[in-house]
PDB file of N, CA and C in Angstrom:
ATOM      1  N   LEU A   1     -48.223  79.569 -52.118  1.00  0.00           N
ATOM      2  CA  LEU A   1     -48.860  78.699 -51.597  1.00  0.00           C
ATOM      3  C   LEU A   1     -48.764  77.223 -52.034  1.00  0.00           C
ATOM      4  N   ALA A   2     -48.498  76.355 -51.226  1.00  0.00           N
ATOM      5  CA  ALA A   2     -48.624  74.841 -51.808  1.00  0.00           C
ATOM      6  C   ALA A   2     -50.057  74.241 -51.880  1.00  0.00           C
ATOM      7  N   ARG A   3     -50.259  73.740 -52.849  1.00  0.00           N
ATOM      8  CA  ARG A   3     -51.479  72.842 -53.045  1.00  0.00           C
ATOM      9  C   ARG A   3     -51.556  71.751 -52.211  1.00  0.00           C
ATOM     10  N   SER A   4     -52.937  71.394 -51.586  1.00  0.00           N
ATOM     11  CA  SER A   4     -53.286  70.310 -50.597  1.00  0.00           C
ATOM     12  C   SER A   4     -53.330  68.884 -51.680  1.00  0.00           C
ATOM     13  N   GLN A   5     -52.630  67.862 -51.002  1.00  0.00           N
ATOM     14  CA  GLN A   5     -52.437  66.838 -51.761  1.00  0.00           C
ATOM     15  C   GLN A   5     -53.800  65.812 -51.408  1.00  0.00           C
ATOM     16  N   GLU A   6     -55.043  66.664 -50.754  1.00  0.00           N
ATOM     17  CA  GLU A   6     -56.171  65.742 -50.789  1.00  0.00           C
ATOM     18  C   GLU A   6     -56.842  65.258 -52.029  1.00  0.00           C
ATOM     19  N   PRO A   7     -57.364  64.068 -51.990  1.00  0.00           N
ATOM     20  CA  PRO A   7     -57.744  63.570 -53.136  1.00  0.00           C
ATOM     21  C   PRO A   7     -59.355  64.227 -53.465  1.00  0.00           C
ATOM     22  N   THR A   8     -59.306  64.496 -54.917  1.00  0.00           N
ATOM     23  CA  THR A   8     -60.538  65.163 -55.401  1.00  0.00           C
ATOM     24  C   THR A   8     -61.533  64.098 -55.722  1.00  0.00           C
ATOM     25  N   ALA A   9     -62.738  64.434 -55.918  1.00  0.00           N
ATOM     26  CA  ALA A   9     -63.826  63.543 -56.393  1.00  0.00           C
ATOM     27  C   ALA A   9     -63.430  63.098 -57.543  1.00  0.00           C
ATOM     28  N   PHE A  10     -62.942  63.662 -58.628  1.00  0.00           N
ATOM     29  CA  PHE A  10     -62.670  62.913 -59.697  1.00  0.00           C
ATOM     30  C   PHE A  10     -61.500  61.620 -59.538  1.00  0.00           C
ATOM     31  N   SER A  11     -60.521  61.830 -58.590  1.00  0.00           N
ATOM     32  CA  SER A  11     -59.492  60.793 -58.651  1.00  0.00           C
ATOM     33  C   SER A  11     -60.354  59.840 -57.487  1.00  0.00           C
ATOM     34  N   ASN A  12     -61.007  59.872 -56.871  1.00  0.00           N
ATOM     35  CA  ASN A  12     -61.867  59.048 -56.024  1.00  0.00           C
ATOM     36  C   ASN A  12     -62.673  58.172 -57.069  1.00  0.00           C
ATOM     37  N   LEU A  13     -63.337  59.073 -58.061  1.00  0.00           N
ATOM     38  CA  LEU A  13     -64.137  58.219 -59.073  1.00  0.00           C
ATOM     39  C   LEU A  13     -63.292  57.318 -60.017  1.00  0.00           C
ATOM     40  N   ILE A  14     -61.838  57.393 -60.147  1.00  0.00           N
ATOM     41  CA  ILE A  14     -60.921  56.534 -60.735  1.00  0.00           C
ATOM     42  C   ILE A  14     -60.346  55.627 -59.927  1.00  0.00           C
ATOM     43  N   MET A  15     -59.800  55.922 -58.844  1.00  0.00           N
ATOM     44  CA  MET A  15     -59.482  54.979 -57.871  1.00  0.00           C
ATOM     45  C   MET A  15     -60.278  53.767 -57.214  1.00  0.00           C
ATOM     46  N   VAL A  16     -61.555  53.974 -57.142  1.00  0.00           N
ATOM     47  CA  VAL A  16     -62.275  53.123 -56.647  1.00  0.00           C
ATOM     48  C   VAL A  16     -62.706  52.019 -57.591  1.00  0.00           C
ATOM     49  N   PRO A  17     -63.034  52.231 -58.912  1.00  0.00           N
ATOM     50  CA  PRO A  17     -62.843  51.101 -59.475  1.00  0.00           C
ATOM     51  C   PRO A  17     -61.709  50.560 -59.824  1.00  0.00           C
ATOM     52  N   LEU A  18     -60.667  51.202 -59.837  1.00  0.00           N
ATOM     53  CA  LEU A  18     -59.340  50.488 -60.256  1.00  0.00           C
ATOM     54  C   LEU A  18     -58.975  49.828 -59.021  1.00  0.00           C
ATOM     55  N   ALA A  19     -59.397  50.330 -57.752  1.00  0.00           N
ATOM     56  CA  ALA A  19     -59.063  49.034 -56.708  1.00  0.00           C
ATOM     57  C   ALA A  19     -59.881  47.893 -56.828  1.00  0.00           C
ATOM     58  N   PHE A  20     -61.232  48.077 -57.244  1.00  0.00           N
ATOM     59  CA  PHE A  20     -61.844  46.684 -57.403  1.00  0.00           C
ATOM     60  C   PHE A  20     -61.581  45.970 -58.270  1.00  0.00           C
ATOM     61  N   VAL A  21     -61.351  46.318 -59.465  1.00  0.00           N
ATOM     62  CA  VAL A  21     -60.681  45.620 -60.625  1.00  0.00           C
ATOM     63  C   VAL A  21     -59.490  44.958 -60.289  1.00  0.00           C
ATOM     64  N   THR A  22     -58.519  45.565 -59.638  1.00  0.00           N
ATOM     65  CA  THR A  22     -56.945  45.182 -59.324  1.00  0.00           C
ATOM     66  C   THR A  22     -57.383  44.222 -58.215  1.00  0.00           C
ATOM     67  N   SER A  23     -58.224  44.220 -57.176  1.00  0.00           N
ATOM     68  CA  SER A  23     -58.689  43.166 -56.252  1.00  0.00           C
ATOM     69  C   SER A  23     -59.268  42.032 -56.547  1.00  0.00           C
ATOM     70  N   SER A  24     -60.207  42.217 -57.499  1.00  0.00           N
ATOM     71  CA  SER A  24     -60.607  40.989 -58.341  1.00  0.00           C
ATOM     72  C   SER A  24     -59.726  40.201 -59.197  1.00  0.00           C
ATOM     73  N   ALA A  25     -58.796  40.923 -59.753  1.00  0.00           N
ATOM     74  CA  ALA A  25     -57.776  40.451 -60.580  1.00  0.00           C
ATOM     75  C   ALA A  25     -56.896  39.627 -59.865  1.00  0.00           C
ATOM     76  N   ALA A  26     -56.639  40.269 -58.649  1.00  0.00           N
ATOM     77  CA  ALA A  26     -55.587  39.433 -57.794  1.00  0.00           C
ATOM     78  C   ALA A  26     -56.211  38.186 -57.137  1.00  0.00           C
ATOM     79  N   GLY A  27     -57.194  38.336 -56.649  1.00  0.00           N
ATOM     80  CA  GLY A  27     -58.039  37.054 -56.171  1.00  0.00           C
ATOM     81  C   GLY A  27     -58.100  35.883 -57.106  1.00  0.00           C
ATOM     82  N   ILE A  28     -58.816  36.299 -58.206  1.00  0.00           N
ATOM     83  CA  ILE A  28     -58.945  35.393 -59.329  1.00  0.00           C
ATOM     84  C   ILE A  28     -57.628  34.846 -59.743  1.00  0.00           C
ATOM     85  N   SER A  29     -56.425  35.459 -59.906  1.00  0.00           N
ATOM     86  CA  SER A  29     -55.277  35.004 -60.286  1.00  0.00           C
ATOM     87  C   SER A  29     -54.881  33.750 -59.196  1.00  0.00           C
ATOM     88  N   VAL A  30     -54.879  34.345 -57.959  1.00  0.00           N
ATOM     89  CA  VAL A  30     -54.634  33.188 -56.956  1.00  0.00           C
ATOM     90  C   VAL A  30     -55.382  31.978 -57.022  1.00  0.00           C
ATOM     91  N   ALA A  31     -56.602  32.071 -57.236  1.00  0.00           N
ATOM     92  CA  ALA A  31     -57.383  30.757 -57.460  1.00  0.00           C
ATOM     93  C   ALA A  31     -57.132  29.951 -58.518  1.00  0.00           C
ATOM     94  N   LEU A  32     -56.902  30.677 -59.912  1.00  0.00           N
ATOM     95  CA  LEU A  32     -56.280  29.963 -60.908  1.00  0.00           C
ATOM     96  C   LEU A  32     -55.312  29.176 -60.669  1.00  0.00           C
ATOM     97  N   VAL A  33     -53.978  29.727 -60.011  1.00  0.00           N
ATOM     98  CA  VAL A  33     -52.907  28.976 -59.540  1.00  0.00           C
ATOM     99  C   VAL A  33     -53.412  27.818 -58.509  1.00  0.00           C
ATOM    100  N   CYS A  34     -53.931  28.159 -57.792  1.00  0.00           N
ATOM    101  CA  CYS A  34     -54.564  26.884 -56.957  1.00  0.00           C
ATOM    102  C   CYS A  34     -55.266  25.701 -57.655  1.00  0.00           C
ATOM    103  N   SER A  35     -55.940  26.030 -58.662  1.00  0.00           N
ATOM    104  CA  SER A  35     -56.853  25.297 -59.674  1.00  0.00           C
ATOM    105  C   SER A  35     -55.732  24.367 -60.325  1.00  0.00           C
ATOM    106  N   VAL A  36     -54.913  25.166 -60.828  1.00  0.00           N
ATOM    107  CA  VAL A  36     -53.568  24.142 -61.563  1.00  0.00           C
ATOM    108  C   VAL A  36     -52.912  23.459 -60.982  1.00  0.00           C
ATOM    109  N   VAL A  37     -52.291  24.073 -59.594  1.00  0.00           N
ATOM    110  CA  VAL A  37     -51.865  23.172 -58.563  1.00  0.00           C
ATOM    111  C   VAL A  37     -52.708  21.926 -58.271  1.00  0.00           C
ATOM    112  N   THR A  38     -53.807  22.126 -57.662  1.00  0.00           N
ATOM    113  CA  THR A  38     -54.797  20.893 -57.339  1.00  0.00           C
ATOM    114  C   THR A  38     -54.787  20.162 -58.383  1.00  0.00           C
ATOM    115  N   LYS A  39     -54.990  20.423 -59.881  1.00  0.00           N
ATOM    116  CA  LYS A  39     -55.364  19.581 -60.878  1.00  0.00           C
ATOM    117  C   LYS A  39     -54.181  18.749 -61.323  1.00  0.00           C
ATOM    118  N   HIS A  40     -52.787  19.062 -61.189  1.00  0.00           N
ATOM    119  CA  HIS A  40     -51.825  18.139 -61.355  1.00  0.00           C
ATOM    120  C   HIS A  40     -51.272  17.639 -60.250  1.00  0.00           C
ATOM    121  N   MET A  41     -51.688  17.760 -59.073  1.00  0.00           N
ATOM    122  CA  MET A  41     -51.169  17.009 -57.664  1.00  0.00           C
ATOM    123  C   MET A  41     -52.112  15.669 -57.749  1.00  0.00           C
ATOM    124  N   ASP A  42     -51.464  14.658 -57.329  1.00  0.00           N
ATOM    125  CA  ASP A  42     -52.205  13.312 -56.791  1.00  0.00           C
ATOM    126  C   ASP A  42     -52.275  13.444 -55.731  1.00  0.00           C
ATOM    127  N   MET A  43     -53.479  13.829 -55.009  1.00  0.00           N
ATOM    128  CA  MET A  43     -53.881  13.876 -53.559  1.00  0.00           C
ATOM    129  C   MET A  43     -54.894  12.997 -53.529  1.00  0.00           C
ATOM    130  N   LYS A  44     -55.300  12.342 -54.163  1.00  0.00           N
ATOM    131  CA  LYS A  44     -56.737  11.552 -53.875  1.00  0.00           C
ATOM    132  C   LYS A  44     -56.970  10.780 -52.726  1.00  0.00           C
ATOM    133  N   ARG A  45     -55.797  10.378 -52.229  1.00  0.00           N
ATOM    134  CA  ARG A  45     -55.745   9.621 -51.128  1.00  0.00           C
ATOM    135  C   ARG A  45     -55.824  10.370 -49.651  1.00  0.00           C
ATOM    136  N   HIS A  46     -55.507  11.526 -49.877  1.00  0.00           N
ATOM    137  CA  HIS A  46     -55.459  12.489 -48.888  1.00  0.00           C
ATOM    138  C   HIS A  46     -56.446  13.578 -48.989  1.00  0.00           C
ATOM    139  N   PRO A  47     -57.777  13.404 -48.630  1.00  0.00           N
ATOM    140  CA  PRO A  47     -58.804  14.562 -48.892  1.00  0.00           C
ATOM    141  C   PRO A  47     -58.440  15.613 -48.063  1.00  0.00           C
ATOM    142  N   GLN A  48     -58.180  15.430 -46.778  1.00  0.00           N
ATOM    143  CA  GLN A  48     -58.003  16.703 -46.141  1.00  0.00           C
ATOM    144  C   GLN A  48     -56.910  17.483 -46.586  1.00  0.00           C
ATOM    145  N   MET A  49     -55.889  17.064 -47.070  1.00  0.00           N
ATOM    146  CA  MET A  49     -54.883  17.909 -47.671  1.00  0.00           C
ATOM    147  C   MET A  49     -55.191  18.628 -48.866  1.00  0.00           C
ATOM    148  N   GLU A  50     -55.889  18.152 -49.642  1.00  0.00           N
ATOM    149  CA  GLU A  50     -56.879  18.764 -50.768  1.00  0.00           C
ATOM    150  C   GLU A  50     -57.606  20.043 -50.148  1.00  0.00           C
ATOM    151  N   PHE A  51     -58.284  19.677 -49.420  1.00  0.00           N
ATOM    152  CA  PHE A  51     -59.084  20.665 -48.728  1.00  0.00           C
ATOM    153  C   PHE A  51     -58.318  21.870 -48.239  1.00  0.00           C
ATOM    154  N   LEU A  52     -57.180  21.625 -47.317  1.00  0.00           N
ATOM    155  CA  LEU A  52     -56.053  22.304 -46.655  1.00  0.00           C
ATOM    156  C   LEU A  52     -55.591  23.312 -47.637  1.00  0.00           C
ATOM    157  N   ILE A  53     -55.346  22.595 -48.909  1.00  0.00           N
ATOM    158  CA  ILE A  53     -54.329  23.428 -49.948  1.00  0.00           C
ATOM    159  C   ILE A  53     -55.354  24.602 -50.449  1.00  0.00           C
ATOM    160  N   SER A  54     -56.764  24.115 -50.858  1.00  0.00           N
ATOM    161  CA  SER A  54     -57.619  25.205 -51.133  1.00  0.00           C
ATOM    162  C   SER A  54     -57.891  26.201 -50.254  1.00  0.00           C
ATOM    163  N   THR A  55     -58.072  25.930 -48.930  1.00  0.00           N
ATOM    164  CA  THR A  55     -57.998  26.866 -48.031  1.00  0.00           C
ATOM    165  C   THR A  55     -56.902  27.853 -47.834  1.00  0.00           C
ATOM    166  N   ALA A  56     -55.745  27.048 -48.006  1.00  0.00           N
ATOM    167  CA  ALA A  56     -54.463  27.900 -47.673  1.00  0.00           C
ATOM    168  C   ALA A  56     -54.506  28.948 -48.899  1.00  0.00           C
ATOM    169  N   PHE A  57     -54.855  28.717 -50.105  1.00  0.00           N
ATOM    170  CA  PHE A  57     -54.848  29.562 -51.160  1.00  0.00           C
ATOM    171  C   PHE A  57     -55.571  30.702 -51.161  1.00  0.00           C
ATOM    172  N   ALA A  58     -56.548  30.528 -50.604  1.00  0.00           N
ATOM    173  CA  ALA A  58     -57.817  31.391 -50.333  1.00  0.00           C
ATOM    174  C   ALA A  58     -57.346  32.570 -49.253  1.00  0.00           C
ATOM    175  N   LEU A  59     -56.741  32.079 -48.028  1.00  0.00           N
ATOM    176  CA  LEU A  59     -56.092  32.796 -47.269  1.00  0.00           C
ATOM    177  C   LEU A  59     -54.862  33.509 -47.742  1.00  0.00           C
ATOM    178  N   LEU A  60     -54.326  32.878 -48.772  1.00  0.00           N
ATOM    179  CA  LEU A  60     -52.884  33.840 -49.378  1.00  0.00           C
ATOM    180  C   LEU A  60     -53.481  34.760 -49.851  1.00  0.00           C
ATOM    181  N   SER A  61     -54.685  34.695 -50.673  1.00  0.00           N
ATOM    182  CA  SER A  61     -55.309  35.703 -51.431  1.00  0.00           C
ATOM    183  C   SER A  61     -55.782  36.975 -50.803  1.00  0.00           C
ATOM    184  N   TYR A  62     -55.898  36.776 -49.413  1.00  0.00           N
ATOM    185  CA  TYR A  62     -55.959  38.047 -48.304  1.00  0.00           C
ATOM    186  C   TYR A  62     -54.706  38.336 -47.812  1.00  0.00           C
ATOM    187  N   PHE A  63     -53.970  37.654 -47.428  1.00  0.00           N
ATOM    188  CA  PHE A  63     -52.620  38.080 -46.616  1.00  0.00           C
ATOM    189  C   PHE A  63     -51.498  38.563 -47.374  1.00  0.00           C
ATOM    190  N   LEU A  64     -51.589  37.990 -49.038  1.00  0.00           N
ATOM    191  CA  LEU A  64     -50.473  38.453 -49.830  1.00  0.00           C
ATOM    192  C   LEU A  64     -50.666  39.809 -50.272  1.00  0.00           C
ATOM    193  N   PHE A  65     -51.939  40.378 -50.341  1.00  0.00           N
ATOM    194  CA  PHE A  65     -52.109  41.623 -50.822  1.00  0.00           C
ATOM    195  C   PHE A  65     -52.701  42.556 -49.543  1.00  0.00           C
ATOM    196  N   ILE A  66     -52.439  42.469 -48.348  1.00  0.00           N
ATOM    197  CA  ILE A  66     -52.634  43.098 -47.309  1.00  0.00           C
ATOM    198  C   ILE A  66     -51.817  44.259 -46.991  1.00  0.00           C
ATOM    199  N   GLU A  67     -50.870  44.396 -47.691  1.00  0.00           N
ATOM    200  CA  GLU A  67     -49.821  45.447 -47.526  1.00  0.00           C
ATOM    201  C   GLU A  67     -49.897  46.348 -48.739  1.00  0.00           C
ATOM    202  N   PHE A  68     -50.664  46.183 -49.864  1.00  0.00           N
ATOM    203  CA  PHE A  68     -50.936  47.021 -50.808  1.00  0.00           C
ATOM    204  C   PHE A  68     -52.095  48.051 -50.375  1.00  0.00           C
ATOM    205  N   SER A  69     -51.921  49.296 -50.630  1.00  0.00           N
ATOM    206  CA  SER A  69     -52.786  50.045 -50.096  1.00  0.00           C
ATOM    207  C   SER A  69     -53.852  50.155 -51.148  1.00  0.00           C
ATOM    208  N   PHE A  70     -53.807  50.250 -52.462  1.00  0.00           N
ATOM    209  CA  PHE A  70     -54.891  50.282 -53.308  1.00  0.00           C
ATOM    210  C   PHE A  70     -55.760  48.828 -53.617  1.00  0.00           C
ATOM    211  N   ILE A  71     -55.100  47.927 -53.069  1.00  0.00           N
ATOM    212  CA  ILE A  71     -55.955  46.496 -53.340  1.00  0.00           C
ATOM    213  C   ILE A  71     -56.663  46.306 -51.758  1.00  0.00           C
ATOM    214  N   ASN A  72     -58.052  45.804 -52.186  1.00  0.00           N
ATOM    215  CA  ASN A  72     -58.794  45.544 -51.089  1.00  0.00           C
ATOM    216  C   ASN A  72     -58.920  44.236 -50.622  1.00  0.00           C
ATOM    217  N   GLU A  73     -58.312  43.683 -49.490  1.00  0.00           N
ATOM    218  CA  GLU A  73     -58.178  42.373 -49.335  1.00  0.00           C
ATOM    219  C   GLU A  73     -59.344  41.420 -49.492  1.00  0.00           C
ATOM    220  N   LEU A  74     -60.619  42.198 -48.766  1.00  0.00           N
ATOM    221  CA  LEU A  74     -61.671  41.221 -48.885  1.00  0.00           C
ATOM    222  C   LEU A  74     -62.126  41.224 -50.138  1.00  0.00           C
ATOM    223  N   ILE A  75     -62.079  41.986 -51.010  1.00  0.00           N
ATOM    224  CA  ILE A  75     -62.465  41.810 -52.472  1.00  0.00           C
ATOM    225  C   ILE A  75     -62.100  40.881 -53.158  1.00  0.00           C
ATOM    226  N   ALA A  76     -60.412  40.950 -52.756  1.00  0.00           N
ATOM    227  CA  ALA A  76     -59.838  39.421 -53.340  1.00  0.00           C
ATOM    228  C   ALA A  76     -59.816  38.363 -52.984  1.00  0.00           C
ATOM    229  N   LEU A  77     -60.434  38.155 -51.439  1.00  0.00           N
ATOM    230  CA  LEU A  77     -60.690  36.993 -50.768  1.00  0.00           C
ATOM    231  C   LEU A  77     -62.207  36.611 -51.485  1.00  0.00           C
ATOM    232  N   TYR A  78     -62.981  37.341 -51.495  1.00  0.00           N
ATOM    233  CA  TYR A  78     -64.194  37.118 -52.092  1.00  0.00           C
ATOM    234  C   TYR A  78     -64.327  36.361 -53.701  1.00  0.00           C
ATOM    235  N   SER A  79     -63.277  37.219 -54.469  1.00  0.00           N
ATOM    236  CA  SER A  79     -63.194  36.763 -55.884  1.00  0.00           C
ATOM    237  C   SER A  79     -62.570  35.657 -55.995  1.00  0.00           C
ATOM    238  N   CYS A  80     -61.440  35.365 -54.870  1.00  0.00           N
ATOM    239  CA  CYS A  80     -60.757  34.107 -55.049  1.00  0.00           C
ATOM    240  C   CYS A  80     -61.723  32.887 -54.555  1.00  0.00           C
ATOM    241  N   GLY A  81     -62.427  33.110 -53.565  1.00  0.00           N
ATOM    242  CA  GLY A  81     -63.362  32.164 -53.105  1.00  0.00           C
ATOM    243  C   GLY A  81     -64.336  31.888 -54.359  1.00  0.00           C
ATOM    244  N   PHE A  82     -64.744  32.827 -55.156  1.00  0.00           N
ATOM    245  CA  PHE A  82     -65.987  32.387 -56.239  1.00  0.00           C
ATOM    246  C   PHE A  82     -65.059  31.470 -57.190  1.00  0.00           C
ATOM    247  N   ALA A  83     -63.953  32.044 -57.618  1.00  0.00           N
ATOM    248  CA  ALA A  83     -63.204  31.377 -58.499  1.00  0.00           C
ATOM    249  C   ALA A  83     -62.930  29.823 -58.084  1.00  0.00           C
ATOM    250  N   LEU A  84     -62.240  29.720 -56.745  1.00  0.00           N
ATOM    251  CA  LEU A  84     -62.016  28.394 -56.281  1.00  0.00           C
ATOM    252  C   LEU A  84     -63.264  27.762 -56.588  1.00  0.00           C
ATOM    253  N   ALA A  85     -64.586  28.307 -56.054  1.00  0.00           N
ATOM    254  CA  ALA A  85     -65.630  27.465 -56.383  1.00  0.00           C
ATOM    255  C   ALA A  85     -66.232  26.999 -57.663  1.00  0.00           C
ATOM    256  N   HIS A  86     -65.928  27.872 -58.684  1.00  0.00           N
ATOM    257  CA  HIS A  86     -66.158  27.603 -60.151  1.00  0.00           C
ATOM    258  C   HIS A  86     -65.389  26.716 -60.594  1.00  0.00           C
ATOM    259  N   TYR A  87     -63.974  26.830 -60.366  1.00  0.00           N
ATOM    260  CA  TYR A  87     -62.814  26.307 -61.108  1.00  0.00           C
ATOM    261  C   TYR A  87     -62.227  24.998 -60.274  1.00  0.00           C
ATOM    262  N   ASN A  88     -61.976  25.210 -58.944  1.00  0.00           N
ATOM    263  CA  ASN A  88     -60.995  24.295 -58.277  1.00  0.00           C
ATOM    264  C   ASN A  88     -62.050  23.280 -57.886  1.00  0.00           C
ATOM    265  N   PHE A  89     -63.381  23.316 -57.427  1.00  0.00           N
ATOM    266  CA  PHE A  89     -64.251  22.427 -56.807  1.00  0.00           C
ATOM    267  C   PHE A  89     -64.289  21.137 -57.918  1.00  0.00           C
ATOM    268  N   LYS A  90     -64.199  21.499 -58.921  1.00  0.00           N
ATOM    269  CA  LYS A  90     -64.287  20.102 -60.137  1.00  0.00           C
ATOM    270  C   LYS A  90     -63.057  19.346 -60.036  1.00  0.00           C
ATOM    271  N   ASN A  91     -61.913  19.813 -59.692  1.00  0.00           N
ATOM    272  CA  ASN A  91     -60.515  19.241 -59.709  1.00  0.00           C
ATOM    273  C   ASN A  91     -60.270  18.309 -58.425  1.00  0.00           C
ATOM    274  N   LEU A  92     -61.312  18.587 -57.107  1.00  0.00           N
ATOM    275  CA  LEU A  92     -61.104  17.920 -55.967  1.00  0.00           C
ATOM    276  C   LEU A  92     -61.829  16.306 -56.082  1.00  0.00           C
ATOM    277  N   SER A  93     -61.491  15.447 -55.367  1.00  0.00           N
ATOM    278  CA  SER A  93     -61.931  14.128 -55.348  1.00  0.00           C
ATOM    279  C   SER A  93     -63.335  14.223 -54.550  1.00  0.00           C
ATOM    280  N   HIS A  94     -64.157  13.213 -54.730  1.00  0.00           N
ATOM    281  CA  HIS A  94     -65.334  12.984 -54.192  1.00  0.00           C
ATOM    282  C   HIS A  94     -65.293  13.116 -52.587  1.00  0.00           C
ATOM    283  N   ALA A  95     -63.968  12.562 -51.842  1.00  0.00           N
ATOM    284  CA  ALA A  95     -63.838  12.744 -50.509  1.00  0.00           C
ATOM    285  C   ALA A  95     -63.754  13.998 -49.969  1.00  0.00           C
ATOM    286  N   SER A  96     -63.133  14.748 -50.979  1.00  0.00           N
ATOM    287  CA  SER A  96     -62.495  16.252 -50.610  1.00  0.00           C
ATOM    288  C   SER A  96     -63.634  17.030 -50.701  1.00  0.00           C
ATOM    289  N   LYS A  97     -64.599  16.689 -51.612  1.00  0.00           N
ATOM    290  CA  LYS A  97     -65.852  17.596 -51.737  1.00  0.00           C
ATOM    291  C   LYS A  97     -66.719  17.381 -50.638  1.00  0.00           C
ATOM    292  N   VAL A  98     -66.898  16.035 -49.993  1.00  0.00           N
ATOM    293  CA  VAL A  98     -67.507  16.030 -48.630  1.00  0.00           C
ATOM    294  C   VAL A  98     -66.978  16.299 -47.690  1.00  0.00           C
ATOM    295  N   THR A  99     -65.509  16.245 -47.590  1.00  0.00           N
ATOM    296  CA  THR A  99     -64.758  17.145 -46.458  1.00  0.00           C
ATOM    297  C   THR A  99     -65.044  18.772 -46.565  1.00  0.00           C
ATOM    298  N   ALA A 100     -64.944  19.290 -47.733  1.00  0.00           N
ATOM    299  CA  ALA A 100     -65.137  20.710 -47.875  1.00  0.00           C
ATOM    300  C   ALA A 100     -66.599  21.333 -47.509  1.00  0.00           C
ATOM    301  N   LYS A 101     -67.449  20.386 -47.965  1.00  0.00           N
ATOM    302  CA  LYS A 101     -69.025  20.728 -47.500  1.00  0.00           C
ATOM    303  C   LYS A 101     -69.060  20.835 -45.981  1.00  0.00           C
ATOM    304  N   ALA A 102     -68.600  19.582 -45.554  1.00  0.00           N
ATOM    305  CA  ALA A 102     -68.827  19.378 -44.133  1.00  0.00           C
ATOM    306  C   ALA A 102     -68.213  20.530 -43.421  1.00  0.00           C
ATOM    307  N   MET A 103     -66.779  20.831 -43.705  1.00  0.00           N
ATOM    308  CA  MET A 103     -66.170  21.776 -42.923  1.00  0.00           C
ATOM    309  C   MET A 103     -66.934  23.391 -43.057  1.00  0.00           C
ATOM    310  N   ILE A 104     -67.374  23.713 -44.352  1.00  0.00           N
ATOM    311  CA  ILE A 104     -68.031  24.816 -44.564  1.00  0.00           C
ATOM    312  C   ILE A 104     -69.458  24.980 -43.477  1.00  0.00           C
ATOM    313  N   LYS A 105     -70.210  23.823 -43.759  1.00  0.00           N
ATOM    314  CA  LYS A 105     -71.324  23.868 -42.797  1.00  0.00           C
ATOM    315  C   LYS A 105     -70.817  24.125 -41.490  1.00  0.00           C
ATOM    316  N   SER A 106     -70.029  23.196 -40.853  1.00  0.00           N
ATOM    317  CA  SER A 106     -69.397  23.654 -39.714  1.00  0.00           C
ATOM    318  C   SER A 106     -68.886  24.722 -39.171  1.00  0.00           C
ATOM    319  N   ALA A 107     -68.391  25.557 -40.113  1.00  0.00           N
ATOM    320  CA  ALA A 107     -67.701  26.732 -39.977  1.00  0.00           C
ATOM    321  C   ALA A 107     -68.959  27.746 -39.721  1.00  0.00           C
ATOM    322  N   SER A 108     -69.907  27.649 -40.713  1.00  0.00           N
ATOM    323  CA  SER A 108     -70.905  28.647 -40.816  1.00  0.00           C
ATOM    324  C   SER A 108     -71.843  28.291 -39.813  1.00  0.00           C
ATOM    325  N   TRP A 109     -72.069  26.954 -39.096  1.00  0.00           N
ATOM    326  CA  TRP A 109     -72.935  27.011 -37.980  1.00  0.00           C
ATOM    327  C   TRP A 109     -72.208  27.511 -36.797  1.00  0.00           C
ATOM    328  N   ALA A 110     -70.960  27.310 -36.723  1.00  0.00           N
ATOM    329  CA  ALA A 110     -70.324  27.743 -35.530  1.00  0.00           C
ATOM    330  C   ALA A 110     -70.125  29.317 -35.281  1.00  0.00           C
ATOM    331  N   SER A 111     -70.216  30.054 -36.591  1.00  0.00           N
ATOM    332  CA  SER A 111     -70.376  31.599 -36.881  1.00  0.00           C
ATOM    333  C   SER A 111     -71.795  32.062 -36.275  1.00  0.00           C
ATOM    334  N   PHE A 112     -72.744  31.335 -36.565  1.00  0.00           N
ATOM    335  CA  PHE A 112     -73.724  31.711 -36.626  1.00  0.00           C
ATOM    336  C   PHE A 112     -74.376  31.429 -35.249  1.00  0.00           C
ATOM    337  N   THR A 113     -73.826  30.780 -34.525  1.00  0.00           N
ATOM    338  CA  THR A 113     -74.415  30.743 -33.126  1.00  0.00           C
ATOM    339  C   THR A 113     -73.477  31.425 -32.379  1.00  0.00           C
TER     340      THR A 113
END
């Protein structure tokens, strides 16, 4: 008789933390690339584009890893968002910071109502 290929409790205890760590590393790596890109680009005259680049990289962390079965896209998105808030927000111009805060407040208000 062939052995079944169902996951055991031991393999689940290994795969869940591995998926969490891998997903977090994927999201943080995308955020660090975004931070380097925004640091070296001179977009001070275009605050909307700075904010759009940050948003595009955050969504990239979700859609880039959607095909991998062991990476959780939402954890990658959250870790990317936390890393962007910590590292990338310092690289943005004042007008981009105001734009980002206004857009996030608008999006949260729209999703709440």
